Amino acid sequence: MKKIKTIIVGLGKVGFEYDKNLIRKSHILTHSKALKKNKKYKLIGGVDIDKKKGCYFLKKIKLKLLIL
Protein backbone atom coordinates (compact mmCIF):
# COMPACT_ATOMS: atom_id res chain seq x y z
CA MET A 1 0.00 0.00 0.00
CA LYS A 2 1.35 3.40 -0.97
CA LYS A 3 1.30 5.93 1.88
CA ILE A 4 -0.18 9.40 1.45
CA LYS A 5 2.54 12.02 1.97
CA THR A 6 1.40 14.86 4.23
CA ILE A 7 2.68 17.99 5.94
CA ILE A 8 1.38 19.91 8.94
CA VAL A 9 0.53 23.55 8.26
CA GLY A 10 0.70 25.35 11.59
CA LEU A 11 2.65 23.86 14.49
CA GLY A 12 0.61 25.47 17.25
CA LYS A 13 -1.52 23.78 19.89
CA VAL A 14 -3.58 21.40 17.72
CA GLY A 15 -0.89 20.96 15.10
CA PHE A 16 1.87 19.84 17.48
CA GLU A 17 2.09 21.33 20.99
CA TYR A 18 -0.67 19.57 22.97
CA ASP A 19 1.24 16.26 22.80
CA LYS A 20 4.57 17.71 23.99
CA ASN A 21 4.18 17.15 27.73
CA LEU A 22 1.77 14.23 27.95
CA ILE A 23 2.25 11.78 30.78
CA ARG A 24 0.40 9.03 28.92
CA LYS A 25 2.12 8.64 25.58
CA SER A 26 -0.82 6.60 24.23
CA HIS A 27 -3.08 9.67 24.01
CA ILE A 28 -3.26 11.49 20.69
CA LEU A 29 -4.24 15.17 20.88
CA THR A 30 -2.58 16.66 17.79
CA HIS A 31 -2.61 16.32 14.03
CA SER A 32 1.11 15.55 13.89
CA LYS A 33 0.91 12.61 16.31
CA ALA A 34 -2.23 11.26 14.63
CA LEU A 35 -0.48 11.29 11.25
CA LYS A 36 2.69 9.69 12.65
CA LYS A 37 0.65 6.85 14.19
CA ASN A 38 -1.57 6.23 11.15
CA LYS A 39 -0.10 3.63 8.77
CA LYS A 40 -1.89 5.14 5.75
CA TYR A 41 0.01 8.44 6.00
CA LYS A 42 3.64 9.50 5.91
CA LEU A 43 4.34 12.77 7.71
CA ILE A 44 7.09 14.42 5.67
CA GLY A 45 7.26 17.92 7.11
CA GLY A 46 5.82 20.89 8.91
CA VAL A 47 5.26 24.56 8.15
CA ASP A 48 5.01 27.47 10.59
CA ILE A 49 5.85 31.17 10.63
CA ASP A 50 7.39 30.86 14.12
CA LYS A 51 10.99 29.69 13.77
CA LYS A 52 11.17 28.40 17.38
CA LYS A 53 8.17 26.12 16.89
CA GLY A 54 9.58 24.91 13.62
CA CYS A 55 12.99 24.10 15.05
CA TYR A 56 11.47 22.24 18.00
CA PHE A 57 9.23 20.26 15.63
CA LEU A 58 12.20 19.38 13.46
CA LYS A 59 14.23 18.21 16.47
CA LYS A 60 11.40 16.27 18.14
CA ILE A 61 9.80 14.62 15.09
CA LYS A 62 12.99 14.44 13.02
CA LEU A 63 11.40 15.68 9.80
CA LYS A 64 11.90 18.40 7.22
CA LEU A 65 10.93 21.96 8.14
CA LEU A 66 9.68 24.80 5.99
CA ILE A 67 9.86 28.27 7.54
CA LEU A 68 7.82 31.05 5.91
PDB file of N, CA and C in Angstrom:
ATOM      1  N   MET A   1       0.838  -1.178   0.000  1.00  0.00           N
ATOM      2  CA  MET A   1       0.000   0.000   0.000  1.00  0.00           C
ATOM      3  C   MET A   1       0.887   1.247   0.000  1.00  0.00           C
ATOM      4  N   LYS A   2       0.607   2.154  -0.904  1.00  0.00           N
ATOM      5  CA  LYS A   2       1.351   3.404  -0.974  1.00  0.00           C
ATOM      6  C   LYS A   2       0.799   4.388   0.060  1.00  0.00           C
ATOM      7  N   LYS A   3       1.699   4.980   0.848  1.00  0.00           N
ATOM      8  CA  LYS A   3       1.298   5.929   1.875  1.00  0.00           C
ATOM      9  C   LYS A   3       1.042   7.302   1.265  1.00  0.00           C
ATOM     10  N   ILE A   4       0.136   8.037   1.871  1.00  0.00           N
ATOM     11  CA  ILE A   4      -0.177   9.401   1.453  1.00  0.00           C
ATOM     12  C   ILE A   4       0.793  10.336   2.161  1.00  0.00           C
ATOM     13  N   LYS A   5       1.586  11.075   1.391  1.00  0.00           N
ATOM     14  CA  LYS A   5       2.545  12.017   1.971  1.00  0.00           C
ATOM     15  C   LYS A   5       1.804  13.268   2.427  1.00  0.00           C
ATOM     16  N   THR A   6       2.091  13.702   3.663  1.00  0.00           N
ATOM     17  CA  THR A   6       1.396  14.857   4.231  1.00  0.00           C
ATOM     18  C   THR A   6       2.380  15.778   4.959  1.00  0.00           C
ATOM     19  N   ILE A   7       1.947  17.029   5.108  1.00  0.00           N
ATOM     20  CA  ILE A   7       2.676  17.989   5.941  1.00  0.00           C
ATOM     21  C   ILE A   7       1.682  18.645   6.892  1.00  0.00           C
ATOM     22  N   ILE A   8       2.199  19.163   7.979  1.00  0.00           N
ATOM     23  CA  ILE A   8       1.381  19.907   8.941  1.00  0.00           C
ATOM     24  C   ILE A   8       1.580  21.390   8.657  1.00  0.00           C
ATOM     25  N   VAL A   9       0.472  22.098   8.455  1.00  0.00           N
ATOM     26  CA  VAL A   9       0.526  23.549   8.260  1.00  0.00           C
ATOM     27  C   VAL A   9       0.052  24.174   9.562  1.00  0.00           C
ATOM     28  N   GLY A  10       0.996  24.763  10.286  1.00  0.00           N
ATOM     29  CA  GLY A  10       0.701  25.349  11.590  1.00  0.00           C
ATOM     30  C   GLY A  10       1.095  24.392  12.695  1.00  0.00           C
ATOM     31  N   LEU A  11       2.126  24.730  13.438  1.00  0.00           N
ATOM     32  CA  LEU A  11       2.646  23.861  14.486  1.00  0.00           C
ATOM     33  C   LEU A  11       2.273  24.372  15.873  1.00  0.00           C
ATOM     34  N   GLY A  12       1.098  24.960  15.972  1.00  0.00           N
ATOM     35  CA  GLY A  12       0.607  25.469  17.253  1.00  0.00           C
ATOM     36  C   GLY A  12       0.028  24.363  18.106  1.00  0.00           C
ATOM     37  N   LYS A  13      -0.945  24.719  18.915  1.00  0.00           N
ATOM     38  CA  LYS A  13      -1.520  23.780  19.891  1.00  0.00           C
ATOM     39  C   LYS A  13      -2.031  22.492  19.248  1.00  0.00           C
ATOM     40  N   VAL A  14      -2.983  22.583  18.333  1.00  0.00           N
ATOM     41  CA  VAL A  14      -3.581  21.397  17.719  1.00  0.00           C
ATOM     42  C   VAL A  14      -2.641  20.741  16.712  1.00  0.00           C
ATOM     43  N   GLY A  15      -1.815  21.514  16.077  1.00  0.00           N
ATOM     44  CA  GLY A  15      -0.890  20.964  15.100  1.00  0.00           C
ATOM     45  C   GLY A  15       0.213  20.121  15.713  1.00  0.00           C
ATOM     46  N   PHE A  16       0.721  20.537  16.916  1.00  0.00           N
ATOM     47  CA  PHE A  16       1.870  19.840  17.477  1.00  0.00           C
ATOM     48  C   PHE A  16       2.025  19.937  18.995  1.00  0.00           C
ATOM     49  N   GLU A  17       1.695  21.061  19.604  1.00  0.00           N
ATOM     50  CA  GLU A  17       2.089  21.334  20.988  1.00  0.00           C
ATOM     51  C   GLU A  17       1.343  20.566  22.072  1.00  0.00           C
ATOM     52  N   TYR A  18       0.081  20.240  21.906  1.00  0.00           N
ATOM     53  CA  TYR A  18      -0.673  19.568  22.969  1.00  0.00           C
ATOM     54  C   TYR A  18      -0.049  18.234  23.383  1.00  0.00           C
ATOM     55  N   ASP A  19       0.637  17.556  22.491  1.00  0.00           N
ATOM     56  CA  ASP A  19       1.237  16.259  22.804  1.00  0.00           C
ATOM     57  C   ASP A  19       2.642  16.365  23.407  1.00  0.00           C
ATOM     58  N   LYS A  20       3.195  17.560  23.512  1.00  0.00           N
ATOM     59  CA  LYS A  20       4.575  17.714  23.988  1.00  0.00           C
ATOM     60  C   LYS A  20       4.806  17.168  25.387  1.00  0.00           C
ATOM     61  N   ASN A  21       3.933  17.477  26.325  1.00  0.00           N
ATOM     62  CA  ASN A  21       4.182  17.150  27.732  1.00  0.00           C
ATOM     63  C   ASN A  21       3.180  16.139  28.297  1.00  0.00           C
ATOM     64  N   LEU A  22       2.723  15.237  27.480  1.00  0.00           N
ATOM     65  CA  LEU A  22       1.766  14.233  27.950  1.00  0.00           C
ATOM     66  C   LEU A  22       2.443  13.209  28.855  1.00  0.00           C
ATOM     67  N   ILE A  23       1.756  12.840  29.909  1.00  0.00           N
ATOM     68  CA  ILE A  23       2.251  11.780  30.783  1.00  0.00           C
ATOM     69  C   ILE A  23       1.971  10.427  30.128  1.00  0.00           C
ATOM     70  N   ARG A  24       0.759  10.266  29.622  1.00  0.00           N
ATOM     71  CA  ARG A  24       0.402   9.032  28.923  1.00  0.00           C
ATOM     72  C   ARG A  24       0.691   9.199  27.439  1.00  0.00           C
ATOM     73  N   LYS A  25       1.683   8.517  26.978  1.00  0.00           N
ATOM     74  CA  LYS A  25       2.116   8.640  25.583  1.00  0.00           C
ATOM     75  C   LYS A  25       1.124   8.023  24.609  1.00  0.00           C
ATOM     76  N   SER A  26       0.155   7.237  25.121  1.00  0.00           N
ATOM     77  CA  SER A  26      -0.818   6.597  24.234  1.00  0.00           C
ATOM     78  C   SER A  26      -1.902   7.562  23.750  1.00  0.00           C
ATOM     79  N   HIS A  27      -2.077   8.686  24.443  1.00  0.00           N
ATOM     80  CA  HIS A  27      -3.077   9.665  24.014  1.00  0.00           C
ATOM     81  C   HIS A  27      -2.613  10.408  22.764  1.00  0.00           C
ATOM     82  N   ILE A  28      -3.550  10.736  21.908  1.00  0.00           N
ATOM     83  CA  ILE A  28      -3.259  11.489  20.695  1.00  0.00           C
ATOM     84  C   ILE A  28      -4.129  12.736  20.701  1.00  0.00           C
ATOM     85  N   LEU A  29      -3.505  13.906  20.813  1.00  0.00           N
ATOM     86  CA  LEU A  29      -4.241  15.166  20.881  1.00  0.00           C
ATOM     87  C   LEU A  29      -3.952  16.094  19.703  1.00  0.00           C
ATOM     88  N   THR A  30      -2.974  15.753  18.869  1.00  0.00           N
ATOM     89  CA  THR A  30      -2.584  16.664  17.791  1.00  0.00           C
ATOM     90  C   THR A  30      -2.610  15.983  16.430  1.00  0.00           C
ATOM     91  N   HIS A  31      -2.635  16.827  15.406  1.00  0.00           N
ATOM     92  CA  HIS A  31      -2.611  16.320  14.031  1.00  0.00           C
ATOM     93  C   HIS A  31      -1.292  15.605  13.730  1.00  0.00           C
ATOM     94  N   SER A  32      -0.188  16.151  14.201  1.00  0.00           N
ATOM     95  CA  SER A  32       1.109  15.546  13.887  1.00  0.00           C
ATOM     96  C   SER A  32       1.239  14.143  14.473  1.00  0.00           C
ATOM     97  N   LYS A  33       0.818  13.941  15.707  1.00  0.00           N
ATOM     98  CA  LYS A  33       0.909  12.612  16.309  1.00  0.00           C
ATOM     99  C   LYS A  33      -0.068  11.634  15.652  1.00  0.00           C
ATOM    100  N   ALA A  34      -1.249  12.116  15.311  1.00  0.00           N
ATOM    101  CA  ALA A  34      -2.228  11.262  14.634  1.00  0.00           C
ATOM    102  C   ALA A  34      -1.687  10.784  13.290  1.00  0.00           C
ATOM    103  N   LEU A  35      -1.038  11.675  12.552  1.00  0.00           N
ATOM    104  CA  LEU A  35      -0.479  11.293  11.252  1.00  0.00           C
ATOM    105  C   LEU A  35       0.712  10.357  11.407  1.00  0.00           C
ATOM    106  N   LYS A  36       1.540  10.569  12.424  1.00  0.00           N
ATOM    107  CA  LYS A  36       2.688   9.693  12.654  1.00  0.00           C
ATOM    108  C   LYS A  36       2.234   8.278  13.013  1.00  0.00           C
ATOM    109  N   LYS A  37       1.140   8.153  13.750  1.00  0.00           N
ATOM    110  CA  LYS A  37       0.654   6.847  14.194  1.00  0.00           C
ATOM    111  C   LYS A  37      -0.157   6.105  13.118  1.00  0.00           C
ATOM    112  N   ASN A  38      -0.724   6.836  12.170  1.00  0.00           N
ATOM    113  CA  ASN A  38      -1.567   6.227  11.149  1.00  0.00           C
ATOM    114  C   ASN A  38      -0.716   5.612  10.039  1.00  0.00           C
ATOM    115  N   LYS A  39      -0.910   4.339   9.752  1.00  0.00           N
ATOM    116  CA  LYS A  39      -0.099   3.630   8.767  1.00  0.00           C
ATOM    117  C   LYS A  39      -0.410   4.020   7.325  1.00  0.00           C
ATOM    118  N   LYS A  40      -1.523   4.719   7.109  1.00  0.00           N
ATOM    119  CA  LYS A  40      -1.894   5.144   5.752  1.00  0.00           C
ATOM    120  C   LYS A  40      -1.190   6.422   5.316  1.00  0.00           C
ATOM    121  N   TYR A  41      -0.612   7.153   6.284  1.00  0.00           N
ATOM    122  CA  TYR A  41       0.005   8.441   6.000  1.00  0.00           C
ATOM    123  C   TYR A  41       1.490   8.432   6.328  1.00  0.00           C
ATOM    124  N   LYS A  42       2.233   9.271   5.618  1.00  0.00           N
ATOM    125  CA  LYS A  42       3.642   9.497   5.907  1.00  0.00           C
ATOM    126  C   LYS A  42       3.818  10.993   6.140  1.00  0.00           C
ATOM    127  N   LEU A  43       4.115  11.367   7.367  1.00  0.00           N
ATOM    128  CA  LEU A  43       4.340  12.769   7.713  1.00  0.00           C
ATOM    129  C   LEU A  43       5.734  13.149   7.240  1.00  0.00           C
ATOM    130  N   ILE A  44       5.800  14.076   6.272  1.00  0.00           N
ATOM    131  CA  ILE A  44       7.085  14.419   5.665  1.00  0.00           C
ATOM    132  C   ILE A  44       7.585  15.805   6.032  1.00  0.00           C
ATOM    133  N   GLY A  45       6.784  16.595   6.754  1.00  0.00           N
ATOM    134  CA  GLY A  45       7.264  17.921   7.110  1.00  0.00           C
ATOM    135  C   GLY A  45       6.240  18.749   7.851  1.00  0.00           C
ATOM    136  N   GLY A  46       6.670  19.945   8.223  1.00  0.00           N
ATOM    137  CA  GLY A  46       5.821  20.886   8.914  1.00  0.00           C
ATOM    138  C   GLY A  46       6.128  22.309   8.489  1.00  0.00           C
ATOM    139  N   VAL A  47       5.116  23.162   8.556  1.00  0.00           N
ATOM    140  CA  VAL A  47       5.256  24.562   8.146  1.00  0.00           C
ATOM    141  C   VAL A  47       4.715  25.452   9.256  1.00  0.00           C
ATOM    142  N   ASP A  48       5.483  26.497   9.609  1.00  0.00           N
ATOM    143  CA  ASP A  48       5.010  27.474  10.586  1.00  0.00           C
ATOM    144  C   ASP A  48       5.775  28.779  10.386  1.00  0.00           C
ATOM    145  N   ILE A  49       5.160  29.887  10.759  1.00  0.00           N
ATOM    146  CA  ILE A  49       5.847  31.174  10.632  1.00  0.00           C
ATOM    147  C   ILE A  49       6.757  31.441  11.832  1.00  0.00           C
ATOM    148  N   ASP A  50       6.566  30.707  12.925  1.00  0.00           N
ATOM    149  CA  ASP A  50       7.388  30.857  14.123  1.00  0.00           C
ATOM    150  C   ASP A  50       8.589  29.913  14.036  1.00  0.00           C
ATOM    151  N   LYS A  51       9.766  30.481  13.938  1.00  0.00           N
ATOM    152  CA  LYS A  51      10.987  29.688  13.767  1.00  0.00           C
ATOM    153  C   LYS A  51      11.253  28.766  14.964  1.00  0.00           C
ATOM    154  N   LYS A  52      10.965  29.224  16.192  1.00  0.00           N
ATOM    155  CA  LYS A  52      11.175  28.396  17.382  1.00  0.00           C
ATOM    156  C   LYS A  52      10.328  27.125  17.336  1.00  0.00           C
ATOM    157  N   LYS A  53       9.052  27.289  16.991  1.00  0.00           N
ATOM    158  CA  LYS A  53       8.166  26.124  16.888  1.00  0.00           C
ATOM    159  C   LYS A  53       8.666  25.172  15.816  1.00  0.00           C
ATOM    160  N   GLY A  54       9.089  25.738  14.712  1.00  0.00           N
ATOM    161  CA  GLY A  54       9.580  24.915  13.618  1.00  0.00           C
ATOM    162  C   GLY A  54      10.824  24.134  13.978  1.00  0.00           C
ATOM    163  N   CYS A  55      11.750  24.777  14.655  1.00  0.00           N
ATOM    164  CA  CYS A  55      12.991  24.101  15.051  1.00  0.00           C
ATOM    165  C   CYS A  55      12.725  23.004  16.076  1.00  0.00           C
ATOM    166  N   TYR A  56      11.809  23.257  17.016  1.00  0.00           N
ATOM    167  CA  TYR A  56      11.467  22.240  18.002  1.00  0.00           C
ATOM    168  C   TYR A  56      10.795  21.041  17.329  1.00  0.00           C
ATOM    169  N   PHE A  57       9.897  21.317  16.405  1.00  0.00           N
ATOM    170  CA  PHE A  57       9.226  20.262  15.632  1.00  0.00           C
ATOM    171  C   PHE A  57      10.243  19.421  14.882  1.00  0.00           C
ATOM    172  N   LEU A  58      11.167  20.074  14.230  1.00  0.00           N
ATOM    173  CA  LEU A  58      12.205  19.379  13.460  1.00  0.00           C
ATOM    174  C   LEU A  58      13.033  18.466  14.361  1.00  0.00           C
ATOM    175  N   LYS A  59      13.413  18.977  15.527  1.00  0.00           N
ATOM    176  CA  LYS A  59      14.231  18.212  16.468  1.00  0.00           C
ATOM    177  C   LYS A  59      13.447  17.033  17.064  1.00  0.00           C
ATOM    178  N   LYS A  60      12.210  17.277  17.454  1.00  0.00           N
ATOM    179  CA  LYS A  60      11.402  16.270  18.137  1.00  0.00           C
ATOM    180  C   LYS A  60      10.892  15.178  17.189  1.00  0.00           C
ATOM    181  N   ILE A  61      10.398  15.566  16.038  1.00  0.00           N
ATOM    182  CA  ILE A  61       9.804  14.617  15.094  1.00  0.00           C
ATOM    183  C   ILE A  61      10.828  14.103  14.092  1.00  0.00           C
ATOM    184  N   LYS A  62      11.931  14.813  13.947  1.00  0.00           N
ATOM    185  CA  LYS A  62      12.994  14.439  13.016  1.00  0.00           C
ATOM    186  C   LYS A  62      12.501  14.414  11.566  1.00  0.00           C
ATOM    187  N   LEU A  63      11.925  15.537  11.170  1.00  0.00           N
ATOM    188  CA  LEU A  63      11.404  15.679   9.804  1.00  0.00           C
ATOM    189  C   LEU A  63      11.912  16.962   9.178  1.00  0.00           C
ATOM    190  N   LYS A  64      11.551  17.173   7.927  1.00  0.00           N
ATOM    191  CA  LYS A  64      11.905  18.403   7.224  1.00  0.00           C
ATOM    192  C   LYS A  64      11.067  19.558   7.762  1.00  0.00           C
ATOM    193  N   LEU A  65      11.613  20.769   7.644  1.00  0.00           N
ATOM    194  CA  LEU A  65      10.930  21.956   8.139  1.00  0.00           C
ATOM    195  C   LEU A  65      10.931  23.031   7.078  1.00  0.00           C
ATOM    196  N   LEU A  66       9.779  23.661   6.890  1.00  0.00           N
ATOM    197  CA  LEU A  66       9.678  24.802   5.990  1.00  0.00           C
ATOM    198  C   LEU A  66       9.305  26.020   6.822  1.00  0.00           C
ATOM    199  N   ILE A  67      10.131  27.056   6.787  1.00  0.00           N
ATOM    200  CA  ILE A  67       9.856  28.275   7.544  1.00  0.00           C
ATOM    201  C   ILE A  67       9.462  29.359   6.559  1.00  0.00           C
ATOM    202  N   LEU A  68       8.307  29.973   6.790  1.00  0.00           N
ATOM    203  CA  LEU A  68       7.823  31.050   5.915  1.00  0.00           C
ATOM    204  C   LEU A  68       8.245  32.388   6.445  1.00  0.00           C
TER     205      LEU A  68
END
